[in-house]
Structures are given as structure tokens and as C-alpha cells.
Amino acid sequence: MGKVLGFFMTCLLSFILFFVGMDNRVAGTPIEVYQVYLDGEKIGLITSKDELLEMIDREQSSIKEEYGVDNVYPPDGLDIQKVYTYNDDISDVATIYNSIKDIEPFTIEGYTVTITYTEQEIINDIEISDPAEPLKIYLLDRDIIEEALYNTATAFIGTEELTSYEEGTQVEITETGEIITSVYFEETITIKQSSVSTEEYIFNDVEELSRYLLFGTLEAQETYITKAGENLEAIADANSLNIEELLIANPQYPSADVLLVEGEEINVGLIDPLVSVVYRKTVVDDINVNYKTEYVEDSSKYTDYRETTTEGQNGVTRITQNIKYVNGEIQSLTIDKREEIVPVVNEVITRGTKVLGGGYYYYENEQGNSEWSWPTISPFVITSRFKWRWGRQHNGIDIAGCGYGSPIYAVKEGTVYRVNTNRNLNEGLSIYIDHGNGYVTVYMHLSKILVKEGQYVDREEKIGLMGDSGFVTGTHLHLGVYQGRPYEGGVVLDPCDSIFSC
């Protein structure tokens, strides 16, 4: 009996101690575990953070093989926090892994490149877009973006020129010539080491990233197969490109006059660069300055009398230009220095004004030595011609180098039928002149207008001042020529082919 009672008392004591122990643990000794969150939501509790990370790395061998990396990491939205709890509902690591693997993509170690745009994009005086949202590019190797940016720069500048600039081996200017003074990107480009989601497109090839930066897309570019007798100029125009763009997209051709063989494949894709390659040049050129014709009336001579008393001689002026290029296009140009090398000698013609039967015949005061007169002073530089540019037609020519506030002249007599005084429009301050012979000329981006609608103007009459109003990136005149009135059925013409030879 005593043994049974002793056994009973021992069991009772053990039972009491067991519950006392449990009460003591619940009341005073919480367990250390890890709370797993995914995008802020609780997924579960685990006992080992390291085991979960090791499972993710071990199970995602396909990601390692695809990207050639040694480690795979949790999704960006995964957060593992150490906690102390009395909760006994602990999950095993495999359960938690299976809960997250099909919800969020895993990550690998790489780099995030951020391109931040700071200014609106203006091409050929047309506002293309407001500042874009920052662009993010993901890659595994930092060197890839550096090489791709370099390739993009050489596409616009040229490998030889860029190398000479970097190595300091450019030929110095003695009399005439040019040198690059600076090269940079317009945008802010940052490169940061980061965890990259495998859901993102990750670049691992320099050539692929270079094409993306140049064409603005990963899609395959349109190509063209050459036919017998074709040339690059015609192919470019037929595909709404200018020849410079075609050469940039096809670096295998060093110049536009390359002889093509039938069956060659040419990239005719439209370049849409994701970065702006900016380079500045100092250019010293000798330019011709055409003489003008002056007339001297002699009242003692009859109207059939005409004699050249001074032969005209074109002059030569040496100009030093500061030019800013953006992706191969001149964005601004200023002439910092002018030096007369050969002086201009104007032609002087003496002509009679006396008519038979008494009285005098008065000639209209002709100026210039052709049917049309140039609209600016000399020296000048044509910075952009009538051509395609990034899928848009530049409907005229841009003339710069004359300076802000320099005079603008009517190229021919006619009637001013429209004046725009709204500086905020693309064209800025502008003048439209109908010459009465089927032609209309347009003068844009002026700083001041000196004529009124309905006013008749003479050839070479000063009508305005050069400026930078409207959507422009520098001081210049945009001259447009139309057969018929623009926006009223008129057809745009190339000024250098229709009224000038330039």
C-alpha cells in the first residue's frame, strides 16, 4: 500500500511540476523566431533565417544558369525580422519558400543605371516632348554601360575624332581647322550597385545595350536590300532619313558616296537615342562673301547706256565658330571672331536715265546680283538644311552666326500677309511674305518684327531682327519657302534648291 501511495504521489508531483514549468515558459520565456513579410504582408514564422536564404539560393539553379551568377537572393519585397513570441505556430522553411516563389520574382546582384532627363527635347525647332520620366536600365556588369555609352558617343562623333580628343592628340588649329573642346551627356546618368529583379530585362551584352541606347527599343530594326544602281542618299530619303542618320545606323559605310553592291542589307531603322551626346567644337573656316551690285545713275546718258565702272570681287572672311552639337545635329552656333582675308569689292554699274524727247527715266533701285537676295548679313553659316531628321521633315534652312539682333531682309519684294507676335508658338515671332509670283517666304524665331500685315516691302528691305523666340536652342533664322501659301495648300520647297544654290 505504501509503495502504491508513493508512486501516486510521485506522478502527482511530476504532473504539477510539468504544468508549473509550462506556465513559467508561457509567462516568462518567449521563443526567438523570424517573422517573414512579403510586400508588408505576414507570410509566417520560421526558426532560421539562414535556412530560408540557403533554400532560395539552392533551389533557383535555373536563374544561376540563365544569368551566369553564383547566388540568387530573395524578392525585393521580402523582409525577415527577428521576433520573440509565445506563438507555437511555426512554419517549416519549405512551406515559406513555396509561398513566395510564385508570387514575387527573385533577385540577383547587379547594377541599376538611372538616366534622368532635365530639359524638353527640341529637334529642328519643334518641341518633341516634355522631360521624360527617369529611365532605369538593369545590368550585371558595370563595364557594359560604360562601353555602350562610349559606342553611342562614337556613333555621332566618330571613333577617330573621339579617340584623338581623349588622348589629347588633336591637330592644333594654325590657320583653319577644327578641334573638339568638350564631350558630355546632356542627361544625368547614375550607376548604382543593387539587387536586380529577374522580372526586369537585364542586359549582359555590350552590343545589345548599344543598339538600345541608339534606337530606343529592343525590337529588331527594319532593313532594306539594295538593288542595282542605288546609292545611300536615295535609300535614306526613301525611308524618311537623312544621310547622316543612315550612316550612324550603318557604321560599315564610311561615307555617303560608297558604291553599293546589289543585295546588301542596310539598316533603315529610325534612330531615337535615349541619351544626348553633346560635343562642342571650335571651327575656323574661310568663307566666301559675295559682292553686291551698286548702280550709279548718269542723267547725261540715255537709258540704253550701261557700263561696268568697277569689277566686282568676292571677298574671303575667316571666322572662328563655337558650335554645340547634340547627337550629330548643330544645336547652337556663334561666331566669336571675324578676320577679313580678302576684302569684298562691290560691282559698280553706271547707267543712263535720260530718255528721248526730254524727261528722265528712273530705274527701280536693284540690289543683289540674282533674282533673290540672301536674308541675312555675312558671314553666316547654314546650321540645318532641308532634310529628314529623326522621322520629321525640317521644312526650311536654319541660318546662324550673324548674331542676336542682326538684320533680316526680304529675299524679294512682296506683301506681308501674316505676322505672328506670339513668342510661345513653335515658330516664335515670324513674318510671311507673298511675292506675287507663286512663292511665299517665311522668317521665324525673330527677336523683333519691323513690318505690319498688309505692308508692301521691297527686295532687301529690313523686315525684322534675328533672335531666338519660340522653340529653339540658339539664335538663328529659320527660312521657309513655299509654292502657294503654307497651311492653305502650299507645297514646301528646299530654299537651297528652289530660290538659292546653297
Protein backbone atom coordinates (compact mmCIF):
# COMPACT_ATOMS: atom_id res chain seq x y z
CA MET A 1 0.00 0.00 0.00
CA GLY A 2 2.82 2.33 0.89
CA LYS A 3 4.52 1.68 -2.47
CA VAL A 4 1.34 2.47 -4.41
CA LEU A 5 0.83 5.66 -2.42
CA GLY A 6 4.43 6.69 -3.07
CA PHE A 7 4.07 6.06 -6.79
CA PHE A 8 0.87 8.10 -6.88
CA MET A 9 2.47 11.00 -5.06
CA THR A 10 5.46 10.92 -7.42
CA CYS A 11 3.19 11.09 -10.51
CA LEU A 12 1.16 13.89 -8.97
CA LEU A 13 4.28 15.86 -8.20
CA SER A 14 5.60 15.38 -11.76
CA PHE A 15 2.25 16.45 -13.21
CA ILE A 16 2.24 19.59 -11.06
CA LEU A 17 5.83 20.40 -11.98
CA PHE A 18 5.05 19.94 -15.72
CA PHE A 19 2.23 22.46 -15.67
CA VAL A 20 4.16 24.82 -13.47
CA GLY A 21 7.01 24.62 -15.97
CA MET A 22 4.69 25.32 -18.91
CA ASP A 23 3.11 28.20 -17.13
CA ASN A 24 6.55 29.57 -16.35
CA ARG A 25 7.60 29.32 -20.08
CA VAL A 26 4.43 30.90 -21.36
CA ALA A 27 4.52 33.58 -18.80
CA GLY A 28 8.20 34.49 -18.85
CA THR A 29 10.27 32.85 -21.62
CA PRO A 30 9.13 33.69 -25.23
CA ILE A 31 10.86 31.85 -28.06
CA GLU A 32 13.16 33.53 -30.64
CA VAL A 33 11.85 33.13 -34.21
CA TYR A 34 11.74 35.09 -37.52
CA GLN A 35 8.66 36.78 -38.92
CA VAL A 36 8.59 36.68 -42.73
CA TYR A 37 6.85 39.54 -44.60
CA LEU A 38 6.22 39.82 -48.34
CA ASP A 39 5.27 43.31 -49.54
CA GLY A 40 4.26 44.17 -45.98
CA GLU A 41 2.02 41.12 -45.52
CA LYS A 42 2.85 38.42 -42.92
CA ILE A 43 3.74 35.08 -44.52
CA GLY A 44 4.65 33.09 -41.43
CA LEU A 45 7.15 32.33 -38.68
CA ILE A 46 10.34 30.31 -39.13
CA THR A 47 13.12 29.33 -36.78
CA SER A 48 16.03 30.05 -39.13
CA LYS A 49 16.52 32.97 -41.49
CA ASP A 50 19.69 31.45 -42.94
CA GLU A 51 17.92 28.23 -43.89
CA LEU A 52 15.36 30.17 -45.97
CA LEU A 53 18.07 32.16 -47.75
CA GLU A 54 20.07 29.00 -48.42
CA MET A 55 16.98 27.26 -49.86
CA ILE A 56 16.25 30.19 -52.18
CA ASP A 57 19.84 30.15 -53.41
CA ARG A 58 19.89 26.36 -53.75
CA GLU A 59 16.54 25.87 -55.47
CA GLN A 60 16.92 28.64 -58.07
CA SER A 61 19.66 26.95 -60.11
CA SER A 62 17.90 27.88 -63.38
CA ILE A 63 18.36 31.57 -62.61
CA LYS A 64 22.06 31.00 -61.91
CA GLU A 65 22.44 29.21 -65.21
CA GLU A 66 20.48 31.82 -67.20
CA TYR A 67 22.43 34.81 -65.92
CA GLY A 68 25.74 33.16 -65.10
CA VAL A 69 25.68 34.20 -61.44
CA ASP A 70 26.76 32.38 -58.28
CA ASN A 71 23.96 33.48 -55.97
CA VAL A 72 20.23 34.16 -56.03
CA TYR A 73 18.59 36.38 -53.42
CA PRO A 74 15.04 36.91 -52.05
CA PRO A 75 12.50 39.14 -53.80
CA ASP A 76 12.78 42.88 -53.18
CA GLY A 77 9.57 42.84 -51.15
CA LEU A 78 10.75 40.11 -48.75
CA ASP A 79 11.55 41.21 -45.20
CA ILE A 80 12.68 38.86 -42.43
CA GLN A 81 12.56 40.25 -38.88
CA LYS A 82 13.70 38.58 -35.66
CA VAL A 83 10.87 38.48 -33.10
CA TYR A 84 10.15 36.90 -29.72
CA THR A 85 6.79 35.23 -29.35
CA TYR A 86 4.75 32.76 -27.33
CA ASN A 87 3.13 31.54 -30.55
CA ASP A 88 3.85 27.87 -31.28
CA ASP A 89 2.56 28.08 -34.90
CA ILE A 90 5.97 27.81 -36.55
CA SER A 91 6.20 27.01 -40.31
CA ASP A 92 8.93 24.97 -41.87
CA VAL A 93 11.26 26.74 -44.31
CA ALA A 94 10.00 24.78 -47.36
CA THR A 95 6.43 25.97 -46.75
CA ILE A 96 7.50 29.60 -46.63
CA TYR A 97 9.67 29.15 -49.74
CA ASN A 98 6.75 27.67 -51.68
CA SER A 99 4.54 30.55 -50.53
CA ILE A 100 6.78 33.21 -52.05
CA LYS A 101 8.39 31.59 -55.11
CA ASP A 102 5.35 32.00 -57.36
CA ILE A 103 4.33 35.45 -56.11
CA GLU A 104 7.38 37.66 -56.43
CA PRO A 105 10.48 37.24 -58.65
CA PHE A 106 13.81 36.54 -57.02
CA THR A 107 16.78 38.90 -57.35
CA ILE A 108 20.41 38.76 -58.33
CA GLU A 109 23.27 41.11 -57.66
CA GLY A 110 23.78 43.67 -60.40
CA TYR A 111 23.60 47.37 -61.25
CA THR A 112 20.83 49.88 -61.84
CA VAL A 113 21.55 52.69 -64.30
CA THR A 114 19.25 55.70 -63.96
CA ILE A 115 19.03 58.26 -66.78
CA THR A 116 17.38 61.48 -65.61
CA TYR A 117 16.11 63.90 -68.25
CA THR A 118 16.21 67.58 -67.34
CA GLU A 119 15.05 69.53 -70.41
CA GLN A 120 12.33 69.34 -73.04
CA GLU A 121 13.51 67.81 -76.29
CA ILE A 122 13.63 70.17 -79.28
CA ILE A 123 14.63 68.95 -82.73
CA ASN A 124 14.75 71.29 -85.72
CA ASP A 125 12.80 73.95 -83.80
CA ILE A 126 9.94 71.53 -83.00
CA GLU A 127 9.11 70.58 -79.41
CA ILE A 128 9.14 66.78 -79.42
CA SER A 129 8.35 66.10 -75.77
CA ASP A 130 8.47 67.37 -72.25
CA PRO A 131 11.09 65.95 -69.89
CA ALA A 132 10.58 62.18 -69.76
CA GLU A 133 10.38 60.13 -66.60
CA PRO A 134 13.76 58.78 -65.43
CA LEU A 135 14.76 55.67 -67.35
CA LYS A 136 16.16 52.67 -65.49
CA ILE A 137 18.43 50.12 -67.14
CA TYR A 138 19.47 46.91 -65.39
CA LEU A 139 22.70 45.01 -65.99
CA LEU A 140 25.11 42.57 -64.39
CA ASP A 141 28.45 44.15 -65.25
CA ARG A 142 29.15 47.85 -64.67
CA ASP A 143 31.57 47.93 -67.61
CA ILE A 144 28.73 47.17 -70.04
CA ILE A 145 27.06 50.56 -69.64
CA GLU A 146 30.36 52.41 -69.86
CA GLU A 147 31.26 50.65 -73.11
CA ALA A 148 27.75 51.12 -74.53
CA LEU A 149 27.78 54.85 -73.76
CA TYR A 150 31.17 55.12 -75.43
CA ASN A 151 29.83 53.30 -78.50
CA THR A 152 26.87 55.69 -78.63
CA ALA A 153 29.21 58.68 -78.49
CA THR A 154 31.39 57.31 -81.30
CA ALA A 155 28.28 56.78 -83.46
CA PHE A 156 27.77 60.55 -83.53
CA ILE A 157 31.32 61.86 -83.17
CA GLY A 158 33.39 59.19 -84.89
CA THR A 159 35.86 56.79 -83.32
CA GLU A 160 38.96 58.55 -84.63
CA GLU A 161 37.85 62.01 -83.55
CA LEU A 162 36.75 60.88 -80.09
CA THR A 163 39.97 58.94 -79.54
CA SER A 164 42.08 61.95 -80.56
CA TYR A 165 40.13 64.14 -78.13
CA GLU A 166 40.53 61.68 -75.25
CA GLU A 167 44.22 61.11 -75.87
CA GLY A 168 44.97 64.79 -76.43
CA THR A 169 46.34 64.19 -79.92
CA GLN A 170 44.09 66.54 -81.92
CA VAL A 171 45.87 68.61 -84.54
CA GLU A 172 46.06 72.20 -83.36
CA ILE A 173 44.45 74.90 -85.47
CA THR A 174 47.01 77.10 -87.22
CA GLU A 175 45.02 78.93 -89.89
CA THR A 176 41.87 76.87 -90.45
CA GLY A 177 40.67 73.62 -88.96
CA GLU A 178 38.63 72.30 -86.06
CA ILE A 179 39.07 70.70 -82.64
CA ILE A 180 36.70 69.19 -80.11
CA THR A 181 36.71 71.17 -76.87
CA SER A 182 34.34 69.09 -74.72
CA VAL A 183 32.24 65.90 -74.78
CA TYR A 184 29.50 65.01 -72.30
CA PHE A 185 25.96 63.68 -71.96
CA GLU A 186 23.07 66.11 -71.50
CA GLU A 187 21.30 63.81 -69.04
CA THR A 188 22.31 62.88 -65.50
CA ILE A 189 23.44 59.24 -65.56
CA THR A 190 23.96 57.38 -62.28
CA ILE A 191 25.19 53.81 -61.80
CA LYS A 192 24.39 52.04 -58.52
CA GLN A 193 25.09 48.51 -57.35
CA SER A 194 21.79 46.92 -56.36
CA SER A 195 19.63 43.82 -56.18
CA VAL A 196 18.01 43.38 -59.57
CA SER A 197 14.69 41.61 -60.00
CA THR A 198 14.78 38.76 -62.51
CA GLU A 199 11.46 40.08 -63.78
CA GLU A 200 13.31 43.06 -65.31
CA TYR A 201 15.12 42.94 -68.65
CA ILE A 202 18.76 42.57 -67.67
CA PHE A 203 21.45 43.50 -70.20
CA ASN A 204 24.52 41.31 -70.38
CA ASP A 205 25.83 42.23 -73.83
CA VAL A 206 27.53 45.48 -74.89
CA GLU A 207 26.30 45.44 -78.50
CA GLU A 208 22.70 44.85 -77.47
CA LEU A 209 22.78 47.72 -74.96
CA SER A 210 24.49 49.98 -77.52
CA ARG A 211 21.68 49.35 -80.02
CA TYR A 212 19.09 50.02 -77.32
CA LEU A 213 20.67 53.37 -76.43
CA LEU A 214 20.83 54.36 -80.10
CA PHE A 215 17.44 53.15 -81.37
CA GLY A 216 15.43 53.46 -78.15
CA THR A 217 13.93 49.97 -78.49
CA LEU A 218 14.82 46.29 -78.27
CA GLU A 219 12.73 45.47 -81.33
CA ALA A 220 14.52 44.41 -84.49
CA GLN A 221 15.14 47.30 -86.87
CA GLU A 222 13.73 47.45 -90.38
CA THR A 223 16.22 46.55 -93.09
CA TYR A 224 16.43 47.14 -96.84
CA ILE A 225 18.05 45.02 -99.54
CA THR A 226 19.87 47.14 -102.12
CA LYS A 227 19.11 46.99 -105.83
CA ALA A 228 21.46 47.57 -108.74
CA GLY A 229 22.46 51.19 -109.25
CA GLU A 230 21.13 52.51 -105.93
CA ASN A 231 23.00 54.88 -103.63
CA LEU A 232 22.81 55.66 -99.92
CA GLU A 233 21.37 59.16 -100.39
CA ALA A 234 18.33 57.85 -102.30
CA ILE A 235 17.80 54.98 -99.86
CA ALA A 236 17.90 57.36 -96.90
CA ASP A 237 15.37 59.76 -98.44
CA ALA A 238 13.02 56.95 -99.42
CA ASN A 239 12.96 55.82 -95.78
CA SER A 240 12.44 59.28 -94.23
CA LEU A 241 16.04 59.50 -93.03
CA ASN A 242 18.82 61.93 -93.75
CA ILE A 243 22.14 60.56 -94.88
CA GLU A 244 23.84 61.26 -91.53
CA GLU A 245 21.25 59.12 -89.72
CA LEU A 246 21.67 56.30 -92.21
CA LEU A 247 25.45 56.33 -91.76
CA ILE A 248 25.07 56.31 -87.95
CA ALA A 249 22.80 53.27 -88.18
CA ASN A 250 25.22 51.57 -90.61
CA PRO A 251 28.78 52.15 -89.38
CA GLN A 252 30.08 49.76 -92.06
CA TYR A 253 29.78 52.65 -94.55
CA PRO A 254 32.41 55.36 -94.00
CA SER A 255 30.74 57.92 -96.30
CA ALA A 256 27.69 58.62 -98.42
CA ASP A 257 29.48 58.05 -101.74
CA VAL A 258 30.24 54.37 -101.12
CA LEU A 259 29.44 52.21 -104.14
CA LEU A 260 26.77 49.68 -103.22
CA VAL A 261 26.56 46.11 -104.43
CA GLU A 262 23.19 44.61 -105.25
CA GLY A 263 21.83 42.52 -102.39
CA GLU A 264 23.44 44.36 -99.47
CA GLU A 265 21.36 44.56 -96.29
CA ILE A 266 21.05 48.09 -94.87
CA ASN A 267 19.56 49.11 -91.55
CA VAL A 268 16.87 51.73 -92.24
CA GLY A 269 15.54 51.88 -88.69
CA LEU A 270 14.77 55.28 -87.20
CA ILE A 271 17.31 56.21 -84.56
CA ASP A 272 15.74 57.52 -81.36
CA PRO A 273 18.62 57.96 -78.90
CA LEU A 274 17.92 57.51 -75.20
CA VAL A 275 20.84 59.80 -74.34
CA SER A 276 22.02 63.09 -75.79
CA VAL A 277 25.67 63.05 -76.85
CA VAL A 278 26.84 66.65 -76.57
CA TYR A 279 30.13 67.81 -78.01
CA ARG A 280 31.47 71.28 -78.64
CA LYS A 281 33.87 72.28 -81.37
CA THR A 282 35.96 75.29 -82.23
CA VAL A 283 35.93 75.57 -86.02
CA VAL A 284 37.94 78.08 -88.05
CA ASP A 285 36.83 78.43 -91.68
CA ASP A 286 37.49 80.72 -94.61
CA ILE A 287 34.15 81.57 -96.20
CA ASN A 288 33.35 83.44 -99.39
CA VAL A 289 31.47 86.73 -99.12
CA ASN A 290 29.65 87.57 -102.35
CA TYR A 291 29.85 91.06 -103.75
CA LYS A 292 26.77 93.14 -104.48
CA THR A 293 25.95 95.33 -107.43
CA GLU A 294 25.63 99.08 -106.96
CA TYR A 295 24.17 101.38 -109.61
CA VAL A 296 25.14 104.96 -110.41
CA GLU A 297 22.61 106.95 -112.43
CA ASP A 298 24.01 109.35 -115.05
CA SER A 299 21.42 111.87 -116.21
CA SER A 300 23.61 112.88 -119.18
CA LYS A 301 23.45 109.38 -120.67
CA TYR A 302 20.47 107.81 -122.39
CA THR A 303 18.69 104.80 -120.91
CA ASP A 304 20.43 102.40 -123.27
CA TYR A 305 23.78 103.32 -121.72
CA ARG A 306 25.20 100.79 -119.28
CA GLU A 307 28.86 100.44 -118.28
CA THR A 308 30.58 98.48 -115.56
CA THR A 309 32.88 101.02 -113.97
CA THR A 310 34.13 98.73 -111.15
CA GLU A 311 34.50 94.99 -111.48
CA GLY A 312 33.02 93.03 -108.57
CA GLN A 313 35.25 90.78 -106.48
CA ASN A 314 34.12 88.29 -103.87
CA GLY A 315 35.83 88.54 -100.52
CA VAL A 316 37.07 85.97 -98.02
CA THR A 317 36.43 86.22 -94.29
CA ARG A 318 38.00 83.88 -91.72
CA ILE A 319 35.53 83.08 -88.97
CA THR A 320 36.04 81.32 -85.64
CA GLN A 321 32.92 79.41 -84.67
CA ASN A 322 31.84 77.92 -81.36
CA ILE A 323 29.48 75.08 -82.25
CA LYS A 324 27.41 72.86 -79.93
CA TYR A 325 26.28 69.55 -81.41
CA VAL A 326 23.65 67.26 -79.88
CA ASN A 327 23.51 63.77 -81.39
CA GLY A 328 25.18 64.98 -84.56
CA GLU A 329 22.88 67.98 -85.08
CA ILE A 330 24.06 71.58 -84.62
CA GLN A 331 22.10 72.95 -81.68
CA SER A 332 23.76 76.35 -81.44
CA LEU A 333 26.46 78.27 -83.29
CA THR A 334 28.13 81.57 -82.55
CA ILE A 335 30.87 83.36 -84.47
CA ASP A 336 33.38 84.58 -81.93
CA LYS A 337 35.87 86.17 -84.32
CA ARG A 338 35.88 87.59 -87.86
CA GLU A 339 39.01 88.40 -89.86
CA GLU A 340 38.94 89.83 -93.38
CA ILE A 341 41.38 87.89 -95.55
CA VAL A 342 40.33 89.27 -98.95
CA PRO A 343 38.15 92.42 -98.98
CA VAL A 344 34.88 92.48 -100.93
CA VAL A 345 34.77 94.83 -103.90
CA ASN A 346 31.21 95.61 -104.97
CA GLU A 347 30.43 95.82 -108.66
CA VAL A 348 29.56 99.36 -109.79
CA ILE A 349 27.47 99.89 -112.92
CA THR A 350 26.81 103.31 -114.37
CA ARG A 351 23.56 103.56 -116.31
CA GLY A 352 21.82 106.38 -118.09
CA THR A 353 18.48 107.84 -117.07
CA LYS A 354 17.94 110.32 -119.93
CA VAL A 355 15.12 109.45 -122.33
CA LEU A 356 14.48 110.67 -125.85
CA GLY A 357 12.01 113.56 -126.04
CA GLY A 358 13.07 115.03 -122.71
CA GLY A 359 12.47 113.96 -119.13
CA TYR A 360 14.19 111.24 -117.20
CA TYR A 361 13.60 107.55 -116.59
CA TYR A 362 14.11 106.42 -113.01
CA TYR A 363 15.18 102.82 -112.50
CA GLU A 364 13.96 100.76 -109.59
CA ASN A 365 16.83 100.52 -107.13
CA GLU A 366 18.03 96.96 -107.78
CA GLN A 367 20.19 95.29 -105.20
CA GLY A 368 21.92 91.96 -105.24
CA ASN A 369 23.13 90.13 -108.28
CA SER A 370 20.43 87.47 -108.70
CA GLU A 371 16.67 87.21 -108.70
CA TRP A 372 16.59 86.54 -104.96
CA SER A 373 18.61 88.21 -102.20
CA TRP A 374 20.04 86.48 -99.14
CA PRO A 375 18.06 87.29 -95.96
CA THR A 376 20.95 87.86 -93.53
CA ILE A 377 24.23 89.70 -93.28
CA SER A 378 27.55 87.99 -93.93
CA PRO A 379 29.30 85.98 -92.70
CA PHE A 380 26.70 83.34 -91.92
CA VAL A 381 26.53 79.56 -91.51
CA ILE A 382 23.72 77.21 -92.56
CA THR A 383 23.38 75.05 -89.46
CA SER A 384 20.49 72.82 -90.56
CA ARG A 385 19.28 72.08 -94.05
CA PHE A 386 16.00 70.99 -95.62
CA LYS A 387 16.06 67.29 -94.70
CA TRP A 388 14.62 64.48 -92.65
CA ARG A 389 15.65 64.41 -89.02
CA TRP A 390 14.56 61.60 -86.67
CA GLY A 391 11.42 60.93 -88.69
CA ARG A 392 10.42 64.57 -89.19
CA GLN A 393 10.96 66.82 -92.17
CA HIS A 394 12.82 70.06 -91.46
CA ASN A 395 10.82 72.45 -93.65
CA GLY A 396 13.47 75.04 -94.38
CA ILE A 397 17.03 76.01 -93.58
CA ASP A 398 18.50 77.48 -90.38
CA ILE A 399 20.97 80.35 -90.76
CA ALA A 400 23.15 81.34 -87.80
CA GLY A 401 26.34 83.16 -86.90
CA CYS A 402 25.10 86.66 -87.68
CA GLY A 403 24.35 87.47 -84.05
CA TYR A 404 21.30 88.28 -81.95
CA GLY A 405 19.56 91.39 -83.24
CA SER A 406 21.26 91.35 -86.65
CA PRO A 407 19.04 92.49 -89.56
CA ILE A 408 16.76 90.17 -91.53
CA TYR A 409 15.90 91.22 -95.10
CA ALA A 410 13.10 90.31 -97.51
CA VAL A 411 14.54 88.00 -100.15
CA LYS A 412 12.27 89.58 -102.77
CA GLU A 413 9.63 92.29 -102.98
CA GLY A 414 6.13 91.31 -101.92
CA THR A 415 3.27 91.80 -99.49
CA VAL A 416 3.37 90.83 -95.81
CA TYR A 417 0.15 88.87 -95.36
CA ARG A 418 0.76 87.37 -91.92
CA VAL A 419 2.69 88.36 -88.79
CA ASN A 420 2.87 86.19 -85.69
CA THR A 421 3.57 88.09 -82.47
CA ASN A 422 3.13 85.14 -80.08
CA ARG A 423 6.60 84.22 -78.82
CA ASN A 424 5.31 81.00 -77.26
CA LEU A 425 4.45 79.26 -80.52
CA ASN A 426 6.97 76.89 -82.12
CA GLU A 427 7.89 79.47 -84.76
CA GLY A 428 8.18 82.39 -82.34
CA LEU A 429 7.99 85.88 -83.85
CA SER A 430 7.55 85.31 -87.59
CA ILE A 431 6.74 87.00 -90.89
CA TYR A 432 5.05 85.60 -94.03
CA ILE A 433 5.58 87.37 -97.37
CA ASP A 434 3.66 86.63 -100.58
CA HIS A 435 5.87 87.58 -103.53
CA GLY A 436 3.07 87.56 -106.08
CA ASN A 437 4.78 85.04 -108.35
CA GLY A 438 3.51 81.89 -106.68
CA TYR A 439 6.19 81.90 -103.98
CA VAL A 440 5.86 82.65 -100.26
CA THR A 441 8.76 83.03 -97.85
CA VAL A 442 8.61 82.60 -94.07
CA TYR A 443 11.02 84.08 -91.49
CA MET A 444 10.89 82.55 -87.99
CA HIS A 445 12.36 82.97 -84.48
CA LEU A 446 12.86 86.73 -84.77
CA SER A 447 13.66 88.99 -81.84
CA LYS A 448 11.73 91.90 -83.35
CA ILE A 449 9.27 92.46 -86.20
CA LEU A 450 9.63 95.70 -88.20
CA VAL A 451 6.68 95.34 -90.63
CA LYS A 452 2.89 95.05 -90.47
CA GLU A 453 0.33 92.82 -92.13
CA GLY A 454 -0.69 94.23 -95.50
CA GLN A 455 2.56 96.18 -95.92
CA TYR A 456 4.38 96.05 -99.26
CA VAL A 457 8.13 95.53 -98.85
CA ASP A 458 10.98 95.96 -101.31
CA ARG A 459 13.62 93.41 -102.03
CA GLU A 460 16.34 93.58 -99.33
CA GLU A 461 14.17 95.79 -97.12
CA LYS A 462 14.85 95.18 -93.43
CA ILE A 463 11.80 93.39 -92.03
CA GLY A 464 12.99 92.12 -88.65
CA LEU A 465 15.88 91.19 -86.37
CA MET A 466 17.41 87.76 -85.79
CA GLY A 467 16.52 86.16 -82.46
CA ASP A 468 15.69 83.03 -80.52
CA SER A 469 11.93 83.24 -79.89
CA GLY A 470 9.77 80.12 -79.98
CA PHE A 471 11.10 76.57 -79.61
CA VAL A 472 14.79 76.97 -80.40
CA THR A 473 18.11 76.08 -78.85
CA GLY A 474 20.09 79.08 -80.11
CA THR A 475 19.95 82.32 -82.08
CA HIS A 476 19.19 81.76 -85.78
CA LEU A 477 16.78 82.45 -88.64
CA HIS A 478 14.58 79.68 -89.98
CA LEU A 479 13.84 80.48 -93.63
CA GLY A 480 11.00 78.58 -95.28
CA VAL A 481 9.98 78.70 -98.96
CA TYR A 482 6.58 77.58 -100.25
CA GLN A 483 4.86 77.37 -103.60
CA GLY A 484 1.48 78.64 -102.52
CA ARG A 485 0.60 79.73 -99.02
CA PRO A 486 1.60 77.42 -96.15
CA TYR A 487 -1.27 75.71 -94.29
CA GLU A 488 -3.53 76.69 -97.23
CA GLY A 489 -2.44 74.05 -99.73
CA GLY A 490 1.07 75.41 -100.33
CA VAL A 491 3.91 72.98 -101.03
CA VAL A 492 7.10 73.34 -99.01
CA LEU A 493 10.34 73.68 -101.05
CA ASP A 494 14.02 73.45 -100.27
CA PRO A 495 15.33 77.06 -100.20
CA CYS A 496 18.72 75.86 -101.39
CA ASP A 497 17.19 74.23 -104.42
CA SER A 498 14.25 76.48 -105.30
CA ILE A 499 15.46 80.09 -104.94
CA PHE A 500 19.14 79.76 -103.98
CA SER A 501 22.05 77.50 -104.79
CA CYS A 502 23.45 76.71 -101.35
